[in-house]
Amino acid sequence: MEFDQSGNAVPTFTLSSADTPSPIIYGGKVDTSVMEVSKDEQAEAIKNSPMEDIVRVWQAPKDGTVSVTGQVSLIAPTDDYDADEYQKADGVRIAIQKGGNELWNKTIAKGDNSPYSAAVSSVAVKRGDRIYFRVQSGSEETSNGSFDKVNWSPTITYAGESNTLPNGLSSTEYKPEDGAIYDVNTSANVENGSSVEVHSAFHKPATTDDVVLSIIGSNDKKDSDGNDNPNYIEKTVFARTLKAGEAFNGDSLNISLENTEKLTNFSFEISSTSNVDWKNIGWQASVT
């Protein structure tokens, strides 16, 4: 800036920083210490946003001894991947775990796309026990989570003679593609907490275990300003147990709810104490 005789500031331009109040000293070095992250800051960031394993779960439908077989491989990046980002990839650590005990693990390095056997044998299980199949990004707390997709479809097999279940599946062999469950959490809303009429159709073949239909009612957790509702309620307002041998083929299932507590949100759940033929069970409901 320059000033004219009247004291007014006049913008001017120059090719040299030496003509300005803040000249650039070209011989100096950039102070990188201001860009360093302290150990305390990094620990706080990891605490607030830790790496999370991707986990697939199998729940034992009966007592027995099982083995796990299958192959796992790290998926190679596609043609349109970010090459610079790929340089930061750090591979994966995979594991098979029963309850809190790890039974097997393998670390696969970046760029290693070979298939590896992922197997354990002679694992004693009780009905309801869970076996976990875990994929961890790298092996450090600061692993970046990029390029960590794997191909892994384990098979769980019970020791003993195999029979065919009512749903046509094996009584001893379990595969993810036969019984994987992908949850979608949606709810129906009613205004002013009015009485509720549920009109629905339900289908279920004969299954290996009882199935429970439930309707969960609640009011809003938060008010219009985002504050917690001190009078929040969530409760089961309807439940019906359908025996394993009962079969339904699109049968109408109509339910009237008095809704004396003026609940406004309703969700519909199907549950069982063990794995059943979920892909052939459905409950289509509408609320009026």
C-alpha atoms as a PDB file:
ATOM      1  CA  MET A   1       0.000   0.000   0.000  1.00  0.00           C
ATOM      2  CA  GLU A   2       1.153   3.520  -0.720  1.00  0.00           C
ATOM      3  CA  PHE A   3      -0.343   6.737   0.526  1.00  0.00           C
ATOM      4  CA  ASP A   4      -1.010   9.806  -1.597  1.00  0.00           C
ATOM      5  CA  GLN A   5      -0.515  13.389  -0.446  1.00  0.00           C
ATOM      6  CA  SER A   6      -3.973  13.390   1.133  1.00  0.00           C
ATOM      7  CA  GLY A   7      -3.144  10.305   3.212  1.00  0.00           C
ATOM      8  CA  ASN A   8      -5.396   7.924   1.260  1.00  0.00           C
ATOM      9  CA  ALA A   9      -4.203   4.314   0.897  1.00  0.00           C
ATOM     10  CA  VAL A  10      -3.613   3.335  -2.727  1.00  0.00           C
ATOM     11  CA  PRO A  11      -3.248  -0.401  -3.598  1.00  0.00           C
ATOM     12  CA  THR A  12      -0.091  -1.112  -5.584  1.00  0.00           C
ATOM     13  CA  PHE A  13       1.457  -4.323  -6.906  1.00  0.00           C
ATOM     14  CA  THR A  14       5.086  -5.434  -7.024  1.00  0.00           C
ATOM     15  CA  LEU A  15       7.023  -8.522  -8.070  1.00  0.00           C
ATOM     16  CA  SER A  16       9.309  -8.338  -5.047  1.00  0.00           C
ATOM     17  CA  SER A  17       8.286  -9.163  -1.486  1.00  0.00           C
ATOM     18  CA  ALA A  18      11.144  -6.905  -0.341  1.00  0.00           C
ATOM     19  CA  ASP A  19       8.923  -3.960  -1.234  1.00  0.00           C
ATOM     20  CA  THR A  20       6.356  -5.088   1.355  1.00  0.00           C
ATOM     21  CA  PRO A  21       6.258  -4.943   5.168  1.00  0.00           C
ATOM     22  CA  SER A  22       6.547  -8.792   5.224  1.00  0.00           C
ATOM     23  CA  PRO A  23       9.440  -9.802   2.957  1.00  0.00           C
ATOM     24  CA  ILE A  24      10.040 -13.497   2.250  1.00  0.00           C
ATOM     25  CA  ILE A  25      13.441 -14.685   3.466  1.00  0.00           C
ATOM     26  CA  TYR A  26      14.339 -17.259   0.811  1.00  0.00           C
ATOM     27  CA  GLY A  27      17.344 -18.596   2.646  1.00  0.00           C
ATOM     28  CA  GLY A  28      15.265 -19.615   5.672  1.00  0.00           C
ATOM     29  CA  LYS A  29      13.805 -23.060   6.411  1.00  0.00           C
ATOM     30  CA  VAL A  30      10.155 -23.943   6.949  1.00  0.00           C
ATOM     31  CA  ASP A  31       9.435 -24.704  10.587  1.00  0.00           C
ATOM     32  CA  THR A  32       7.741 -28.120  10.388  1.00  0.00           C
ATOM     33  CA  SER A  33       7.325 -28.437  14.151  1.00  0.00           C
ATOM     34  CA  VAL A  34       3.975 -26.643  13.975  1.00  0.00           C
ATOM     35  CA  MET A  35       2.666 -29.450  11.732  1.00  0.00           C
ATOM     36  CA  GLU A  36       3.713 -32.288  14.017  1.00  0.00           C
ATOM     37  CA  VAL A  37       0.974 -34.126  15.904  1.00  0.00           C
ATOM     38  CA  SER A  38       1.833 -34.737  19.534  1.00  0.00           C
ATOM     39  CA  LYS A  39       1.500 -38.207  21.043  1.00  0.00           C
ATOM     40  CA  ASP A  40      -1.291 -36.937  23.297  1.00  0.00           C
ATOM     41  CA  GLU A  41      -3.221 -35.522  20.322  1.00  0.00           C
ATOM     42  CA  GLN A  42      -2.813 -38.760  18.390  1.00  0.00           C
ATOM     43  CA  ALA A  43      -3.920 -40.851  21.377  1.00  0.00           C
ATOM     44  CA  GLU A  44      -7.007 -38.657  21.782  1.00  0.00           C
ATOM     45  CA  ALA A  45      -7.835 -38.966  18.069  1.00  0.00           C
ATOM     46  CA  ILE A  46      -7.516 -42.771  18.216  1.00  0.00           C
ATOM     47  CA  LYS A  47      -9.679 -42.869  21.346  1.00  0.00           C
ATOM     48  CA  ASN A  48     -12.414 -40.809  19.681  1.00  0.00           C
ATOM     49  CA  SER A  49     -12.278 -42.687  16.378  1.00  0.00           C
ATOM     50  CA  PRO A  50     -10.680 -46.123  16.851  1.00  0.00           C
ATOM     51  CA  MET A  51     -10.220 -48.658  14.079  1.00  0.00           C
ATOM     52  CA  GLU A  52     -13.147 -51.105  14.025  1.00  0.00           C
ATOM     53  CA  ASP A  53     -12.957 -54.711  12.831  1.00  0.00           C
ATOM     54  CA  ILE A  54     -15.418 -55.954  10.235  1.00  0.00           C
ATOM     55  CA  VAL A  55     -17.043 -59.015  11.824  1.00  0.00           C
ATOM     56  CA  ARG A  56     -19.277 -61.797  10.513  1.00  0.00           C
ATOM     57  CA  VAL A  57     -20.955 -63.948  13.176  1.00  0.00           C
ATOM     58  CA  TRP A  58     -22.210 -67.540  13.159  1.00  0.00           C
ATOM     59  CA  GLN A  59     -24.395 -68.704  16.065  1.00  0.00           C
ATOM     60  CA  ALA A  60     -24.499 -72.423  16.880  1.00  0.00           C
ATOM     61  CA  PRO A  61     -28.032 -73.865  16.550  1.00  0.00           C
ATOM     62  CA  LYS A  62     -27.194 -76.960  18.647  1.00  0.00           C
ATOM     63  CA  ASP A  63     -24.520 -78.613  20.786  1.00  0.00           C
ATOM     64  CA  GLY A  64     -21.729 -80.479  19.015  1.00  0.00           C
ATOM     65  CA  THR A  65     -18.251 -80.335  17.540  1.00  0.00           C
ATOM     66  CA  VAL A  66     -17.608 -78.185  14.475  1.00  0.00           C
ATOM     67  CA  SER A  67     -14.851 -77.469  12.002  1.00  0.00           C
ATOM     68  CA  VAL A  68     -14.325 -74.342   9.915  1.00  0.00           C
ATOM     69  CA  THR A  69     -12.976 -74.503   6.371  1.00  0.00           C
ATOM     70  CA  GLY A  70     -12.518 -72.051   3.533  1.00  0.00           C
ATOM     71  CA  GLN A  71     -10.027 -69.776   1.841  1.00  0.00           C
ATOM     72  CA  VAL A  72      -9.401 -66.071   2.294  1.00  0.00           C
ATOM     73  CA  SER A  73      -7.610 -63.643   0.008  1.00  0.00           C
ATOM     74  CA  LEU A  74      -7.010 -59.903  -0.166  1.00  0.00           C
ATOM     75  CA  ILE A  75      -8.786 -58.386  -3.177  1.00  0.00           C
ATOM     76  CA  ALA A  76      -6.487 -56.613  -5.636  1.00  0.00           C
ATOM     77  CA  PRO A  77      -7.393 -52.976  -6.417  1.00  0.00           C
ATOM     78  CA  THR A  78      -9.222 -52.267  -9.668  1.00  0.00           C
ATOM     79  CA  ASP A  79      -7.864 -50.326 -12.654  1.00  0.00           C
ATOM     80  CA  ASP A  80      -9.284 -46.992 -11.511  1.00  0.00           C
ATOM     81  CA  TYR A  81      -7.786 -47.026  -8.006  1.00  0.00           C
ATOM     82  CA  ASP A  82      -5.827 -44.113  -6.506  1.00  0.00           C
ATOM     83  CA  ALA A  83      -2.185 -45.173  -6.871  1.00  0.00           C
ATOM     84  CA  ASP A  84      -0.944 -42.588  -4.353  1.00  0.00           C
ATOM     85  CA  GLU A  85      -3.461 -43.759  -1.755  1.00  0.00           C
ATOM     86  CA  TYR A  86      -2.527 -47.383  -2.430  1.00  0.00           C
ATOM     87  CA  GLN A  87       1.031 -46.618  -1.314  1.00  0.00           C
ATOM     88  CA  LYS A  88      -0.375 -46.106   2.193  1.00  0.00           C
ATOM     89  CA  ALA A  89      -2.207 -49.464   2.264  1.00  0.00           C
ATOM     90  CA  ASP A  90      -1.048 -51.767   5.057  1.00  0.00           C
ATOM     91  CA  GLY A  91      -2.723 -55.137   4.463  1.00  0.00           C
ATOM     92  CA  VAL A  92      -5.091 -56.924   6.827  1.00  0.00           C
ATOM     93  CA  ARG A  93      -5.118 -59.203   9.835  1.00  0.00           C
ATOM     94  CA  ILE A  94      -7.850 -61.846   9.801  1.00  0.00           C
ATOM     95  CA  ALA A  95      -8.937 -64.119  12.628  1.00  0.00           C
ATOM     96  CA  ILE A  96     -11.399 -66.812  13.673  1.00  0.00           C
ATOM     97  CA  GLN A  97     -12.617 -66.428  17.238  1.00  0.00           C
ATOM     98  CA  LYS A  98     -14.975 -68.361  19.519  1.00  0.00           C
ATOM     99  CA  GLY A  99     -16.344 -66.266  22.349  1.00  0.00           C
ATOM    100  CA  GLY A 100     -13.345 -64.380  23.716  1.00  0.00           C
ATOM    101  CA  ASN A 101     -10.755 -66.909  22.486  1.00  0.00           C
ATOM    102  CA  GLU A 102      -8.938 -66.510  19.187  1.00  0.00           C
ATOM    103  CA  LEU A 103      -8.599 -69.859  17.398  1.00  0.00           C
ATOM    104  CA  TRP A 104      -6.649 -68.834  14.275  1.00  0.00           C
ATOM    105  CA  ASN A 105      -5.208 -65.725  12.639  1.00  0.00           C
ATOM    106  CA  LYS A 106      -3.286 -64.659   9.563  1.00  0.00           C
ATOM    107  CA  THR A 107      -1.679 -61.387   8.478  1.00  0.00           C
ATOM    108  CA  ILE A 108      -1.815 -60.649   4.740  1.00  0.00           C
ATOM    109  CA  ALA A 109       0.505 -57.939   3.447  1.00  0.00           C
ATOM    110  CA  LYS A 110      -0.382 -55.254   0.909  1.00  0.00           C
ATOM    111  CA  GLY A 111      -0.174 -56.627  -2.618  1.00  0.00           C
ATOM    112  CA  ASP A 112      -0.423 -60.275  -1.529  1.00  0.00           C
ATOM    113  CA  ASN A 113      -3.531 -61.567  -3.283  1.00  0.00           C
ATOM    114  CA  SER A 114      -2.813 -65.272  -2.816  1.00  0.00           C
ATOM    115  CA  PRO A 115      -5.557 -67.454  -1.280  1.00  0.00           C
ATOM    116  CA  TYR A 116      -4.833 -68.827   2.189  1.00  0.00           C
ATOM    117  CA  SER A 117      -6.556 -71.651   4.035  1.00  0.00           C
ATOM    118  CA  ALA A 118      -8.577 -70.344   6.994  1.00  0.00           C
ATOM    119  CA  ALA A 119      -9.435 -73.464   8.966  1.00  0.00           C
ATOM    120  CA  VAL A 120      -9.869 -74.798  12.484  1.00  0.00           C
ATOM    121  CA  SER A 121     -11.104 -78.211  13.619  1.00  0.00           C
ATOM    122  CA  SER A 122     -12.610 -79.981  16.634  1.00  0.00           C
ATOM    123  CA  VAL A 123     -14.229 -76.902  18.147  1.00  0.00           C
ATOM    124  CA  ALA A 124     -16.768 -77.826  20.843  1.00  0.00           C
ATOM    125  CA  VAL A 125     -19.852 -75.593  20.825  1.00  0.00           C
ATOM    126  CA  LYS A 126     -23.032 -75.266  22.848  1.00  0.00           C
ATOM    127  CA  ARG A 127     -26.255 -74.013  21.356  1.00  0.00           C
ATOM    128  CA  GLY A 128     -26.076 -70.226  21.211  1.00  0.00           C
ATOM    129  CA  ASP A 129     -22.255 -70.044  21.143  1.00  0.00           C
ATOM    130  CA  ARG A 130     -20.882 -67.579  18.606  1.00  0.00           C
ATOM    131  CA  ILE A 131     -17.958 -67.918  16.235  1.00  0.00           C
ATOM    132  CA  TYR A 132     -16.601 -64.640  14.867  1.00  0.00           C
ATOM    133  CA  PHE A 133     -14.802 -64.075  11.580  1.00  0.00           C
ATOM    134  CA  ARG A 134     -12.836 -60.846  11.901  1.00  0.00           C
ATOM    135  CA  VAL A 135     -11.066 -58.613   9.376  1.00  0.00           C
ATOM    136  CA  GLN A 136      -8.772 -55.963  10.869  1.00  0.00           C
ATOM    137  CA  SER A 137      -7.132 -53.138   8.927  1.00  0.00           C
ATOM    138  CA  GLY A 138      -3.377 -53.603   9.228  1.00  0.00           C
ATOM    139  CA  SER A 139      -1.910 -54.355  12.624  1.00  0.00           C
ATOM    140  CA  GLU A 140      -1.393 -50.874  14.079  1.00  0.00           C
ATOM    141  CA  GLU A 141      -3.713 -48.389  15.765  1.00  0.00           C
ATOM    142  CA  THR A 142      -2.963 -45.913  12.989  1.00  0.00           C
ATOM    143  CA  SER A 143      -3.738 -48.277  10.084  1.00  0.00           C
ATOM    144  CA  ASN A 144      -5.611 -46.383   7.390  1.00  0.00           C
ATOM    145  CA  GLY A 145      -8.434 -48.770   6.439  1.00  0.00           C
ATOM    146  CA  SER A 146      -7.892 -48.465   2.676  1.00  0.00           C
ATOM    147  CA  PHE A 147      -7.759 -51.403   0.233  1.00  0.00           C
ATOM    148  CA  ASP A 148      -8.805 -53.915   2.892  1.00  0.00           C
ATOM    149  CA  LYS A 149     -11.516 -55.893   1.074  1.00  0.00           C
ATOM    150  CA  VAL A 150     -11.217 -59.683   1.217  1.00  0.00           C
ATOM    151  CA  ASN A 151     -12.873 -62.720  -0.333  1.00  0.00           C
ATOM    152  CA  TRP A 152     -13.864 -65.019   2.520  1.00  0.00           C
ATOM    153  CA  SER A 153     -16.809 -67.409   2.652  1.00  0.00           C
ATOM    154  CA  PRO A 154     -16.194 -69.857   5.513  1.00  0.00           C
ATOM    155  CA  THR A 155     -18.093 -73.126   5.865  1.00  0.00           C
ATOM    156  CA  ILE A 156     -18.976 -74.465   9.326  1.00  0.00           C
ATOM    157  CA  THR A 157     -19.564 -78.231   9.543  1.00  0.00           C
ATOM    158  CA  TYR A 158     -20.799 -80.317  12.481  1.00  0.00           C
ATOM    159  CA  ALA A 159     -19.256 -83.729  13.057  1.00  0.00           C
ATOM    160  CA  GLY A 160     -21.767 -86.549  12.593  1.00  0.00           C
ATOM    161  CA  GLU A 161     -24.328 -87.771  10.103  1.00  0.00           C
ATOM    162  CA  SER A 162     -25.953 -85.166   7.881  1.00  0.00           C
ATOM    163  CA  ASN A 163     -29.713 -84.914   7.406  1.00  0.00           C
ATOM    164  CA  THR A 164     -31.879 -82.616   5.320  1.00  0.00           C
ATOM    165  CA  LEU A 165     -33.833 -80.045   7.332  1.00  0.00           C
ATOM    166  CA  PRO A 166     -37.442 -79.023   6.568  1.00  0.00           C
ATOM    167  CA  ASN A 167     -36.086 -75.986   4.705  1.00  0.00           C
ATOM    168  CA  GLY A 168     -34.030 -78.191   2.384  1.00  0.00           C
ATOM    169  CA  LEU A 169     -30.670 -77.254   3.923  1.00  0.00           C
ATOM    170  CA  SER A 170     -28.115 -79.557   5.513  1.00  0.00           C
ATOM    171  CA  SER A 171     -28.342 -80.271   9.243  1.00  0.00           C
ATOM    172  CA  THR A 172     -24.556 -80.215   9.594  1.00  0.00           C
ATOM    173  CA  GLU A 173     -23.167 -77.716   7.064  1.00  0.00           C
ATOM    174  CA  TYR A 174     -23.624 -73.945   7.268  1.00  0.00           C
ATOM    175  CA  LYS A 175     -22.546 -71.374   4.666  1.00  0.00           C
ATOM    176  CA  PRO A 176     -22.921 -67.558   4.745  1.00  0.00           C
ATOM    177  CA  GLU A 177     -24.848 -67.506   1.479  1.00  0.00           C
ATOM    178  CA  ASP A 178     -27.462 -69.838   3.015  1.00  0.00           C
ATOM    179  CA  GLY A 179     -28.144 -67.876   6.184  1.00  0.00           C
ATOM    180  CA  ALA A 180     -26.678 -64.368   6.093  1.00  0.00           C
ATOM    181  CA  ILE A 181     -28.886 -61.679   7.662  1.00  0.00           C
ATOM    182  CA  TYR A 182     -28.695 -58.037   6.583  1.00  0.00           C
ATOM    183  CA  ASP A 183     -30.619 -55.848   9.003  1.00  0.00           C
ATOM    184  CA  VAL A 184     -32.638 -52.839   7.909  1.00  0.00           C
ATOM    185  CA  ASN A 185     -33.950 -50.801  10.824  1.00  0.00           C
ATOM    186  CA  THR A 186     -37.061 -48.890   9.766  1.00  0.00           C
ATOM    187  CA  SER A 187     -40.129 -47.768  11.664  1.00  0.00           C
ATOM    188  CA  ALA A 188     -43.665 -46.605  10.973  1.00  0.00           C
ATOM    189  CA  ASN A 189     -44.816 -43.281  12.397  1.00  0.00           C
ATOM    190  CA  VAL A 190     -48.299 -42.250  13.520  1.00  0.00           C
ATOM    191  CA  GLU A 191     -49.449 -38.766  14.400  1.00  0.00           C
ATOM    192  CA  ASN A 192     -50.676 -37.664  17.820  1.00  0.00           C
ATOM    193  CA  GLY A 193     -50.235 -41.115  19.356  1.00  0.00           C
ATOM    194  CA  SER A 194     -53.542 -42.381  17.976  1.00  0.00           C
ATOM    195  CA  SER A 195     -54.736 -45.982  18.099  1.00  0.00           C
ATOM    196  CA  VAL A 196     -52.999 -48.224  15.587  1.00  0.00           C
ATOM    197  CA  GLU A 197     -54.272 -50.809  13.130  1.00  0.00           C
ATOM    198  CA  VAL A 198     -51.652 -53.132  11.655  1.00  0.00           C
ATOM    199  CA  HIS A 199     -52.473 -54.983   8.436  1.00  0.00           C
ATOM    200  CA  SER A 200     -49.864 -57.516   7.407  1.00  0.00           C
ATOM    201  CA  ALA A 201     -49.083 -60.691   5.515  1.00  0.00           C
ATOM    202  CA  PHE A 202     -46.682 -63.262   6.932  1.00  0.00           C
ATOM    203  CA  HIS A 203     -44.957 -66.215   5.338  1.00  0.00           C
ATOM    204  CA  LYS A 204     -42.807 -68.848   7.003  1.00  0.00           C
ATOM    205  CA  PRO A 205     -42.034 -72.473   6.126  1.00  0.00           C
ATOM    206  CA  ALA A 206     -41.561 -75.122   8.789  1.00  0.00           C
ATOM    207  CA  THR A 207     -38.357 -74.055  10.541  1.00  0.00           C
ATOM    208  CA  THR A 208     -35.768 -75.568  12.836  1.00  0.00           C
ATOM    209  CA  ASP A 209     -36.749 -73.323  15.751  1.00  0.00           C
ATOM    210  CA  ASP A 210     -39.606 -71.170  17.012  1.00  0.00           C
ATOM    211  CA  VAL A 211     -39.933 -67.675  15.538  1.00  0.00           C
ATOM    212  CA  VAL A 212     -41.156 -64.636  17.485  1.00  0.00           C
ATOM    213  CA  LEU A 213     -42.943 -61.682  15.886  1.00  0.00           C
ATOM    214  CA  SER A 214     -42.691 -58.447  17.881  1.00  0.00           C
ATOM    215  CA  ILE A 215     -43.882 -54.870  17.499  1.00  0.00           C
ATOM    216  CA  ILE A 216     -41.781 -52.311  19.382  1.00  0.00           C
ATOM    217  CA  GLY A 217     -43.402 -48.975  20.177  1.00  0.00           C
ATOM    218  CA  SER A 218     -41.743 -45.748  21.298  1.00  0.00           C
ATOM    219  CA  ASN A 219     -42.129 -41.998  21.430  1.00  0.00           C
ATOM    220  CA  ASP A 220     -39.441 -39.612  20.142  1.00  0.00           C
ATOM    221  CA  LYS A 221     -36.011 -39.754  21.797  1.00  0.00           C
ATOM    222  CA  LYS A 222     -35.448 -36.047  21.208  1.00  0.00           C
ATOM    223  CA  ASP A 223     -37.602 -32.942  20.932  1.00  0.00           C
ATOM    224  CA  SER A 224     -37.691 -30.597  17.931  1.00  0.00           C
ATOM    225  CA  ASP A 225     -34.660 -28.711  19.303  1.00  0.00           C
ATOM    226  CA  GLY A 226     -32.539 -31.877  19.547  1.00  0.00           C
ATOM    227  CA  ASN A 227     -32.775 -32.172  23.336  1.00  0.00           C
ATOM    228  CA  ASP A 228     -33.176 -35.565  25.026  1.00  0.00           C
ATOM    229  CA  ASN A 229     -36.759 -36.449  25.913  1.00  0.00           C
ATOM    230  CA  PRO A 230     -36.864 -37.177  29.686  1.00  0.00           C
ATOM    231  CA  ASN A 231     -40.106 -39.132  29.160  1.00  0.00           C
ATOM    232  CA  TYR A 232     -38.777 -41.402  26.416  1.00  0.00           C
ATOM    233  CA  ILE A 233     -40.468 -44.830  26.312  1.00  0.00           C
ATOM    234  CA  GLU A 234     -39.613 -47.933  24.279  1.00  0.00           C
ATOM    235  CA  LYS A 235     -41.516 -51.155  24.890  1.00  0.00           C
ATOM    236  CA  THR A 236     -42.842 -54.307  23.238  1.00  0.00           C
ATOM    237  CA  VAL A 237     -46.524 -53.720  22.482  1.00  0.00           C
ATOM    238  CA  PHE A 238     -47.176 -57.018  20.685  1.00  0.00           C
ATOM    239  CA  ALA A 239     -45.479 -60.423  20.582  1.00  0.00           C
ATOM    240  CA  ARG A 240     -46.482 -63.760  19.125  1.00  0.00           C
ATOM    241  CA  THR A 241     -44.496 -67.005  19.075  1.00  0.00           C
ATOM    242  CA  LEU A 242     -44.861 -69.235  16.021  1.00  0.00           C
ATOM    243  CA  LYS A 243     -43.824 -72.836  16.586  1.00  0.00           C
ATOM    244  CA  ALA A 244     -41.103 -74.419  14.468  1.00  0.00           C
ATOM    245  CA  GLY A 245     -43.534 -76.764  12.722  1.00  0.00           C
ATOM    246  CA  GLU A 246     -46.074 -74.050  11.880  1.00  0.00           C
ATOM    247  CA  ALA A 247     -46.098 -72.920   8.250  1.00  0.00           C
ATOM    248  CA  PHE A 248     -47.647 -69.722   6.886  1.00  0.00           C
ATOM    249  CA  ASN A 249     -48.022 -68.773   3.238  1.00  0.00           C
ATOM    250  CA  GLY A 250     -48.898 -65.101   3.023  1.00  0.00           C
ATOM    251  CA  ASP A 251     -51.498 -65.451   5.767  1.00  0.00           C
ATOM    252  CA  SER A 252     -53.173 -62.234   6.900  1.00  0.00           C
ATOM    253  CA  LEU A 253     -52.115 -61.050  10.323  1.00  0.00           C
ATOM    254  CA  ASN A 254     -54.137 -58.051  11.522  1.00  0.00           C
ATOM    255  CA  ILE A 255     -53.454 -56.442  14.891  1.00  0.00           C
ATOM    256  CA  SER A 256     -55.218 -53.656  16.813  1.00  0.00           C
ATOM    257  CA  LEU A 257     -53.179 -51.617  19.297  1.00  0.00           C
ATOM    258  CA  GLU A 258     -55.006 -49.307  21.726  1.00  0.00           C
ATOM    259  CA  ASN A 259     -51.835 -47.252  22.235  1.00  0.00           C
ATOM    260  CA  THR A 260     -52.850 -45.767  25.589  1.00  0.00           C
ATOM    261  CA  GLU A 261     -49.329 -44.350  26.082  1.00  0.00           C
ATOM    262  CA  LYS A 262     -49.581 -42.280  22.876  1.00  0.00           C
ATOM    263  CA  LEU A 263     -46.540 -43.861  21.232  1.00  0.00           C
ATOM    264  CA  THR A 264     -45.695 -42.517  17.781  1.00  0.00           C
ATOM    265  CA  ASN A 265     -43.029 -44.881  16.369  1.00  0.00           C
ATOM    266  CA  PHE A 266     -43.465 -48.594  15.673  1.00  0.00           C
ATOM    267  CA  SER A 267     -40.909 -51.106  14.396  1.00  0.00           C
ATOM    268  CA  PHE A 268     -41.425 -54.750  13.469  1.00  0.00           C
ATOM    269  CA  GLU A 269     -38.997 -57.511  14.444  1.00  0.00           C
ATOM    270  CA  ILE A 270     -38.647 -61.207  13.647  1.00  0.00           C
ATOM    271  CA  SER A 271     -36.377 -63.144  15.997  1.00  0.00           C
ATOM    272  CA  SER A 272     -35.353 -66.659  16.974  1.00  0.00           C
ATOM    273  CA  THR A 273     -33.016 -68.158  19.550  1.00  0.00           C
ATOM    274  CA  SER A 274     -30.993 -69.837  16.769  1.00  0.00           C
ATOM    275  CA  ASN A 275     -30.363 -69.514  13.037  1.00  0.00           C
ATOM    276  CA  VAL A 276     -33.358 -70.437  10.897  1.00  0.00           C
ATOM    277  CA  ASP A 277     -34.105 -70.191   7.175  1.00  0.00           C
ATOM    278  CA  TRP A 278     -34.344 -66.385   7.276  1.00  0.00           C
ATOM    279  CA  LYS A 279     -34.444 -65.810   3.528  1.00  0.00           C
ATOM    280  CA  ASN A 280     -37.790 -67.642   3.318  1.00  0.00           C
ATOM    281  CA  ILE A 281     -39.398 -65.755   6.213  1.00  0.00           C
ATOM    282  CA  GLY A 282     -41.114 -62.427   5.579  1.00  0.00           C
ATOM    283  CA  TRP A 283     -43.479 -60.012   7.298  1.00  0.00           C
ATOM    284  CA  GLN A 284     -44.981 -57.222   5.189  1.00  0.00           C
ATOM    285  CA  ALA A 285     -46.849 -54.805   7.427  1.00  0.00           C
ATOM    286  CA  SER A 286     -48.627 -51.475   7.004  1.00  0.00           C
ATOM    287  CA  VAL A 287     -49.909 -49.166   9.739  1.00  0.00           C
ATOM    288  CA  THR A 288     -53.069 -47.054   9.705  1.00  0.00           C
END
